[in-house]
Amino acid sequence: LTYVFVSFTVLAFRSTQDSCPDDWIGFRNKCYYFSEEEGDWNSSRHNCVTQRADLTVIDTEKEMEFLIRHKCSSDHWIGLEMTENQTGRWVNGTIFNKLFPLRGNEKCAYLDDVGAATARCYTERKWICRRKMH
């Protein structure tokens, strides 16, 4: 009986640990926050950082599908900045590998209903934060 109780306690502890904060959505060991507010790209990133996160990086096509499905109809900033020679760099330092098409010729990237595009960074939009699941 004691052994069963200990096993149950460990499982309960593990499932509590592997979760996301309230108002965040879990997907593939990461937590995502879809803001209701709007801000420019820099203030959006700052809002993520204050929550121990950053603007989302998109690593896979499945992640892109998840984000588009959950963001509703609004445009949302993501953690991709374009350089002057149109090479993109994610907020985690990795180079944009052109996993998906990116429309536009501006500096800061966002998701809309059909994929990703760029806009001037001072434009007000909602944002998506991402952090590791704890």
N, C-alpha and C. Protein backbone atom coordinates (compact mmCIF):
# COMPACT_ATOMS: atom_id res chain seq x y z
N LEU A 1 0.83 -1.20 0.00
CA LEU A 1 0.00 0.00 0.00
C LEU A 1 0.87 1.26 0.00
N THR A 2 1.94 1.24 0.77
CA THR A 2 2.84 2.39 0.79
C THR A 2 3.50 2.59 -0.57
N TYR A 3 3.89 1.50 -1.22
CA TYR A 3 4.53 1.58 -2.54
C TYR A 3 3.59 2.22 -3.56
N VAL A 4 2.34 1.83 -3.56
CA VAL A 4 1.35 2.39 -4.49
C VAL A 4 1.19 3.88 -4.23
N PHE A 5 1.13 4.28 -2.99
CA PHE A 5 0.98 5.68 -2.65
C PHE A 5 2.17 6.51 -3.14
N VAL A 6 3.38 6.01 -2.94
CA VAL A 6 4.58 6.70 -3.39
C VAL A 6 4.57 6.83 -4.91
N SER A 7 4.22 5.76 -5.62
CA SER A 7 4.17 5.82 -7.09
C SER A 7 3.16 6.84 -7.55
N PHE A 8 2.01 6.87 -6.90
CA PHE A 8 0.98 7.83 -7.27
C PHE A 8 1.46 9.26 -7.03
N THR A 9 2.13 9.49 -5.92
CA THR A 9 2.64 10.81 -5.60
C THR A 9 3.66 11.27 -6.64
N VAL A 10 4.55 10.39 -7.05
CA VAL A 10 5.56 10.75 -8.05
C VAL A 10 4.89 11.09 -9.39
N LEU A 11 3.90 10.31 -9.80
CA LEU A 11 3.20 10.59 -11.05
C LEU A 11 2.45 11.91 -10.98
N ALA A 12 1.81 12.19 -9.86
CA ALA A 12 1.09 13.45 -9.71
C ALA A 12 2.05 14.62 -9.75
N PHE A 13 3.19 14.48 -9.11
CA PHE A 13 4.20 15.53 -9.11
C PHE A 13 4.72 15.78 -10.53
N ARG A 14 4.99 14.71 -11.27
CA ARG A 14 5.51 14.82 -12.62
C ARG A 14 4.50 15.55 -13.53
N SER A 15 3.23 15.20 -13.46
CA SER A 15 2.25 15.83 -14.35
C SER A 15 2.06 17.30 -13.98
N THR A 16 2.19 17.63 -12.70
CA THR A 16 2.09 19.03 -12.30
C THR A 16 3.30 19.81 -12.81
N GLN A 17 4.47 19.20 -12.80
CA GLN A 17 5.68 19.86 -13.26
C GLN A 17 5.67 20.09 -14.77
N ASP A 18 5.11 19.15 -15.54
CA ASP A 18 5.11 19.24 -16.99
C ASP A 18 3.86 19.99 -17.47
N SER A 19 3.76 21.26 -17.11
CA SER A 19 2.57 22.01 -17.48
C SER A 19 2.94 23.44 -17.82
N CYS A 20 1.94 24.16 -18.28
CA CYS A 20 2.10 25.56 -18.66
C CYS A 20 1.37 26.45 -17.66
N PRO A 21 1.78 27.71 -17.57
CA PRO A 21 1.05 28.64 -16.69
C PRO A 21 -0.40 28.83 -17.19
N ASP A 22 -1.23 29.35 -16.32
CA ASP A 22 -2.60 29.68 -16.72
C ASP A 22 -2.56 30.61 -17.93
N ASP A 23 -3.51 30.46 -18.82
CA ASP A 23 -3.65 31.26 -20.04
C ASP A 23 -2.59 30.95 -21.10
N TRP A 24 -1.78 29.93 -20.90
CA TRP A 24 -0.82 29.47 -21.89
C TRP A 24 -1.30 28.13 -22.44
N ILE A 25 -0.89 27.79 -23.66
CA ILE A 25 -1.29 26.53 -24.30
C ILE A 25 -0.05 25.69 -24.55
N GLY A 26 -0.09 24.43 -24.16
CA GLY A 26 1.03 23.52 -24.35
C GLY A 26 0.98 22.81 -25.69
N PHE A 27 2.15 22.68 -26.32
CA PHE A 27 2.29 21.94 -27.57
C PHE A 27 3.72 21.47 -27.70
N ARG A 28 3.92 20.15 -27.76
CA ARG A 28 5.24 19.55 -27.96
C ARG A 28 6.32 20.10 -27.02
N ASN A 29 6.06 20.00 -25.73
CA ASN A 29 7.01 20.40 -24.68
C ASN A 29 7.32 21.89 -24.64
N LYS A 30 6.46 22.70 -25.24
CA LYS A 30 6.62 24.15 -25.15
C LYS A 30 5.28 24.76 -24.77
N CYS A 31 5.34 25.94 -24.19
CA CYS A 31 4.14 26.68 -23.80
C CYS A 31 4.05 27.95 -24.64
N TYR A 32 2.84 28.27 -25.06
CA TYR A 32 2.61 29.43 -25.93
C TYR A 32 1.56 30.35 -25.31
N TYR A 33 1.82 31.64 -25.42
CA TYR A 33 0.89 32.65 -24.94
C TYR A 33 0.47 33.51 -26.13
N PHE A 34 -0.82 33.59 -26.38
CA PHE A 34 -1.38 34.40 -27.46
C PHE A 34 -1.98 35.64 -26.80
N SER A 35 -1.38 36.80 -27.02
CA SER A 35 -1.81 38.00 -26.31
C SER A 35 -3.18 38.47 -26.80
N GLU A 36 -3.85 39.17 -25.93
CA GLU A 36 -5.09 39.87 -26.28
C GLU A 36 -4.78 41.33 -26.59
N GLU A 37 -3.71 41.85 -25.97
CA GLU A 37 -3.30 43.23 -26.16
C GLU A 37 -2.49 43.37 -27.45
N GLU A 38 -2.22 44.60 -27.84
CA GLU A 38 -1.37 44.87 -28.99
C GLU A 38 -0.19 45.71 -28.57
N GLY A 39 0.89 45.59 -29.33
CA GLY A 39 2.08 46.41 -29.10
C GLY A 39 2.97 46.35 -30.32
N ASP A 40 3.98 47.23 -30.34
CA ASP A 40 4.95 47.14 -31.43
C ASP A 40 5.84 45.91 -31.18
N TRP A 41 6.73 45.61 -32.12
CA TRP A 41 7.52 44.38 -32.00
C TRP A 41 8.38 44.37 -30.75
N ASN A 42 9.06 45.49 -30.46
CA ASN A 42 9.96 45.55 -29.31
C ASN A 42 9.20 45.45 -27.98
N SER A 43 8.09 46.15 -27.84
CA SER A 43 7.34 46.05 -26.59
C SER A 43 6.69 44.67 -26.45
N SER A 44 6.32 44.07 -27.57
CA SER A 44 5.77 42.71 -27.53
C SER A 44 6.83 41.74 -27.03
N ARG A 45 8.04 41.88 -27.54
CA ARG A 45 9.13 41.02 -27.07
C ARG A 45 9.40 41.24 -25.58
N HIS A 46 9.39 42.49 -25.16
CA HIS A 46 9.60 42.81 -23.75
C HIS A 46 8.53 42.14 -22.88
N ASN A 47 7.29 42.17 -23.33
CA ASN A 47 6.22 41.52 -22.58
C ASN A 47 6.47 40.03 -22.43
N CYS A 48 6.99 39.39 -23.47
CA CYS A 48 7.33 37.96 -23.37
C CYS A 48 8.46 37.74 -22.38
N VAL A 49 9.50 38.55 -22.47
CA VAL A 49 10.68 38.39 -21.61
C VAL A 49 10.29 38.53 -20.14
N THR A 50 9.35 39.42 -19.83
CA THR A 50 8.94 39.58 -18.44
C THR A 50 8.20 38.35 -17.92
N GLN A 51 7.79 37.46 -18.82
CA GLN A 51 7.13 36.22 -18.43
C GLN A 51 8.06 35.01 -18.60
N ARG A 52 9.37 35.26 -18.58
CA ARG A 52 10.39 34.22 -18.75
C ARG A 52 10.20 33.46 -20.06
N ALA A 53 9.93 34.21 -21.12
CA ALA A 53 9.70 33.64 -22.45
C ALA A 53 10.31 34.59 -23.47
N ASP A 54 10.03 34.35 -24.74
CA ASP A 54 10.43 35.27 -25.81
C ASP A 54 9.39 35.14 -26.90
N LEU A 55 9.42 36.07 -27.86
CA LEU A 55 8.55 35.92 -29.02
C LEU A 55 8.83 34.56 -29.63
N THR A 56 7.81 33.92 -30.16
CA THR A 56 7.96 32.54 -30.60
C THR A 56 8.90 32.38 -31.78
N VAL A 57 9.67 31.32 -31.72
CA VAL A 57 10.46 30.82 -32.84
C VAL A 57 9.64 29.69 -33.43
N ILE A 58 9.71 29.50 -34.74
CA ILE A 58 8.97 28.42 -35.39
C ILE A 58 9.97 27.43 -35.97
N ASP A 59 10.03 26.24 -35.36
CA ASP A 59 11.03 25.24 -35.72
C ASP A 59 10.55 24.22 -36.75
N THR A 60 9.24 23.99 -36.81
CA THR A 60 8.72 22.93 -37.68
C THR A 60 7.43 23.38 -38.36
N GLU A 61 7.05 22.66 -39.41
CA GLU A 61 5.78 22.94 -40.08
C GLU A 61 4.61 22.67 -39.15
N LYS A 62 4.71 21.63 -38.31
CA LYS A 62 3.65 21.32 -37.35
C LYS A 62 3.45 22.46 -36.37
N GLU A 63 4.55 23.07 -35.94
CA GLU A 63 4.46 24.20 -35.02
C GLU A 63 3.78 25.38 -35.71
N MET A 64 4.12 25.62 -36.97
CA MET A 64 3.49 26.69 -37.75
C MET A 64 1.98 26.45 -37.86
N GLU A 65 1.59 25.23 -38.16
CA GLU A 65 0.16 24.89 -38.27
C GLU A 65 -0.55 25.12 -36.93
N PHE A 66 0.09 24.70 -35.84
CA PHE A 66 -0.48 24.90 -34.50
C PHE A 66 -0.69 26.39 -34.23
N LEU A 67 0.31 27.20 -34.52
CA LEU A 67 0.22 28.63 -34.23
C LEU A 67 -0.87 29.30 -35.05
N ILE A 68 -0.94 29.00 -36.33
CA ILE A 68 -1.97 29.61 -37.18
C ILE A 68 -3.36 29.17 -36.72
N ARG A 69 -3.49 27.93 -36.33
CA ARG A 69 -4.78 27.40 -35.88
C ARG A 69 -5.23 28.09 -34.58
N HIS A 70 -4.31 28.40 -33.68
CA HIS A 70 -4.68 28.93 -32.37
C HIS A 70 -4.69 30.45 -32.26
N LYS A 71 -4.17 31.15 -33.24
CA LYS A 71 -4.06 32.60 -33.09
C LYS A 71 -5.34 33.35 -33.43
N CYS A 72 -6.36 32.68 -33.90
CA CYS A 72 -7.61 33.29 -34.34
C CYS A 72 -7.36 34.17 -35.55
N SER A 73 -8.12 35.23 -35.72
CA SER A 73 -8.04 35.99 -36.97
C SER A 73 -7.05 37.14 -36.92
N SER A 74 -6.55 37.51 -35.76
CA SER A 74 -5.64 38.65 -35.65
C SER A 74 -4.23 38.29 -36.10
N ASP A 75 -3.50 39.31 -36.55
CA ASP A 75 -2.08 39.16 -36.84
C ASP A 75 -1.31 39.16 -35.52
N HIS A 76 -0.26 38.34 -35.43
CA HIS A 76 0.56 38.24 -34.21
C HIS A 76 2.04 38.30 -34.55
N TRP A 77 2.77 39.14 -33.80
CA TRP A 77 4.23 39.19 -33.95
C TRP A 77 4.84 37.85 -33.57
N ILE A 78 5.91 37.48 -34.29
CA ILE A 78 6.73 36.31 -33.96
C ILE A 78 8.17 36.78 -33.81
N GLY A 79 9.03 35.91 -33.33
CA GLY A 79 10.40 36.29 -32.99
C GLY A 79 11.39 36.21 -34.13
N LEU A 80 11.05 36.79 -35.27
CA LEU A 80 11.93 36.77 -36.43
C LEU A 80 12.16 38.19 -36.92
N GLU A 81 13.43 38.55 -37.08
CA GLU A 81 13.81 39.85 -37.62
C GLU A 81 14.62 39.64 -38.88
N MET A 82 14.38 40.47 -39.86
CA MET A 82 15.11 40.40 -41.12
C MET A 82 16.26 41.42 -41.09
N THR A 83 17.38 41.04 -41.68
CA THR A 83 18.52 41.95 -41.79
C THR A 83 18.42 42.69 -43.12
N GLU A 84 19.32 43.61 -43.34
CA GLU A 84 19.28 44.41 -44.57
C GLU A 84 19.41 43.57 -45.83
N ASN A 85 20.11 42.45 -45.78
CA ASN A 85 20.23 41.60 -46.96
C ASN A 85 19.14 40.52 -47.00
N GLN A 86 18.07 40.74 -46.18
CA GLN A 86 16.90 39.85 -46.13
C GLN A 86 17.22 38.44 -45.63
N THR A 87 18.28 38.33 -44.81
CA THR A 87 18.53 37.09 -44.08
C THR A 87 17.83 37.24 -42.75
N GLY A 88 17.03 36.28 -42.38
CA GLY A 88 16.30 36.38 -41.12
C GLY A 88 17.07 35.76 -39.97
N ARG A 89 16.87 36.33 -38.79
CA ARG A 89 17.46 35.78 -37.57
C ARG A 89 16.37 35.73 -36.50
N TRP A 90 16.23 34.52 -35.91
CA TRP A 90 15.27 34.33 -34.84
C TRP A 90 15.81 34.93 -33.55
N VAL A 91 14.92 35.21 -32.60
CA VAL A 91 15.33 35.81 -31.33
C VAL A 91 16.25 34.89 -30.53
N ASN A 92 16.26 33.59 -30.81
CA ASN A 92 17.18 32.68 -30.12
C ASN A 92 18.55 32.61 -30.80
N GLY A 93 18.76 33.43 -31.85
CA GLY A 93 20.06 33.51 -32.51
C GLY A 93 20.21 32.65 -33.75
N THR A 94 19.28 31.75 -34.02
CA THR A 94 19.40 30.89 -35.20
C THR A 94 18.98 31.65 -36.47
N ILE A 95 19.52 31.21 -37.58
CA ILE A 95 19.22 31.82 -38.88
C ILE A 95 17.91 31.25 -39.41
N PHE A 96 17.11 32.09 -40.01
CA PHE A 96 15.86 31.66 -40.64
C PHE A 96 16.19 30.76 -41.82
N ASN A 97 15.67 29.51 -41.76
CA ASN A 97 16.03 28.52 -42.77
C ASN A 97 15.00 28.42 -43.91
N LYS A 98 14.11 29.39 -43.99
CA LYS A 98 13.09 29.43 -45.05
C LYS A 98 12.20 28.19 -45.02
N LEU A 99 11.88 27.73 -43.81
CA LEU A 99 10.97 26.61 -43.61
C LEU A 99 9.60 26.93 -44.22
N PHE A 100 9.26 28.21 -44.26
CA PHE A 100 7.98 28.65 -44.82
C PHE A 100 8.23 29.96 -45.58
N PRO A 101 7.36 30.28 -46.55
CA PRO A 101 7.51 31.54 -47.28
C PRO A 101 7.28 32.73 -46.35
N LEU A 102 8.00 33.79 -46.61
CA LEU A 102 7.87 35.02 -45.83
C LEU A 102 7.61 36.17 -46.80
N ARG A 103 6.43 36.75 -46.74
CA ARG A 103 6.05 37.83 -47.65
C ARG A 103 6.50 39.18 -47.10
N GLY A 104 6.83 40.10 -47.98
CA GLY A 104 7.17 41.46 -47.58
C GLY A 104 8.66 41.71 -47.54
N ASN A 105 9.00 42.99 -47.37
CA ASN A 105 10.41 43.42 -47.35
C ASN A 105 10.74 44.29 -46.14
N GLU A 106 9.99 44.14 -45.08
CA GLU A 106 10.23 44.94 -43.88
C GLU A 106 11.08 44.15 -42.89
N LYS A 107 11.25 44.68 -41.68
CA LYS A 107 12.19 44.09 -40.73
C LYS A 107 11.60 43.05 -39.78
N CYS A 108 10.38 43.24 -39.31
CA CYS A 108 9.82 42.39 -38.26
C CYS A 108 8.73 41.48 -38.80
N ALA A 109 8.72 40.23 -38.33
CA ALA A 109 7.81 39.22 -38.89
C ALA A 109 6.60 38.99 -37.99
N TYR A 110 5.50 38.63 -38.64
CA TYR A 110 4.26 38.32 -37.95
C TYR A 110 3.53 37.21 -38.69
N LEU A 111 2.58 36.59 -37.99
CA LEU A 111 1.71 35.59 -38.61
C LEU A 111 0.37 36.22 -38.91
N ASP A 112 -0.16 35.90 -40.09
CA ASP A 112 -1.52 36.28 -40.43
C ASP A 112 -2.29 35.01 -40.77
N ASP A 113 -3.43 35.14 -41.41
CA ASP A 113 -4.29 33.98 -41.66
C ASP A 113 -3.71 32.99 -42.66
N VAL A 114 -2.76 33.41 -43.49
CA VAL A 114 -2.24 32.52 -44.53
C VAL A 114 -0.78 32.14 -44.35
N GLY A 115 -0.11 32.69 -43.35
CA GLY A 115 1.29 32.36 -43.14
C GLY A 115 2.03 33.51 -42.48
N ALA A 116 3.25 33.76 -42.93
CA ALA A 116 4.10 34.77 -42.32
C ALA A 116 4.40 35.89 -43.29
N ALA A 117 4.55 37.08 -42.74
CA ALA A 117 4.87 38.27 -43.52
C ALA A 117 5.71 39.20 -42.65
N THR A 118 6.23 40.25 -43.26
CA THR A 118 6.99 41.24 -42.50
C THR A 118 6.27 42.59 -42.56
N ALA A 119 6.56 43.40 -41.54
CA ALA A 119 5.98 44.74 -41.46
C ALA A 119 6.96 45.64 -40.73
N ARG A 120 6.69 46.93 -40.75
CA ARG A 120 7.49 47.86 -39.96
C ARG A 120 7.29 47.52 -38.48
N CYS A 121 8.38 47.56 -37.75
CA CYS A 121 8.39 47.08 -36.37
C CYS A 121 7.53 47.92 -35.43
N TYR A 122 7.21 49.15 -35.80
CA TYR A 122 6.41 50.00 -34.91
C TYR A 122 4.91 49.76 -35.06
N THR A 123 4.51 48.91 -36.00
CA THR A 123 3.10 48.59 -36.17
C THR A 123 2.58 47.87 -34.94
N GLU A 124 1.36 48.18 -34.51
CA GLU A 124 0.75 47.54 -33.35
C GLU A 124 0.07 46.24 -33.77
N ARG A 125 0.45 45.16 -33.09
CA ARG A 125 -0.14 43.84 -33.32
C ARG A 125 -0.17 43.08 -32.01
N LYS A 126 -0.94 42.01 -31.98
CA LYS A 126 -0.85 41.06 -30.88
C LYS A 126 0.46 40.30 -31.04
N TRP A 127 0.79 39.44 -30.09
CA TRP A 127 2.05 38.70 -30.17
C TRP A 127 1.87 37.30 -29.62
N ILE A 128 2.86 36.44 -29.92
CA ILE A 128 2.90 35.07 -29.40
C ILE A 128 4.22 34.86 -28.68
N CYS A 129 4.13 34.50 -27.40
CA CYS A 129 5.32 34.16 -26.62
C CYS A 129 5.48 32.64 -26.58
N ARG A 130 6.72 32.19 -26.42
CA ARG A 130 7.01 30.76 -26.29
C ARG A 130 8.05 30.56 -25.20
N ARG A 131 7.85 29.51 -24.41
CA ARG A 131 8.84 29.11 -23.41
C ARG A 131 8.79 27.61 -23.24
N LYS A 132 9.82 27.06 -22.65
CA LYS A 132 9.86 25.62 -22.40
C LYS A 132 8.81 25.25 -21.38
N MET A 133 8.26 24.06 -21.55
CA MET A 133 7.31 23.54 -20.58
C MET A 133 8.07 23.13 -19.33
N HIS A 134 7.55 23.50 -18.18
CA HIS A 134 8.20 23.15 -16.90
C HIS A 134 7.41 22.11 -16.17
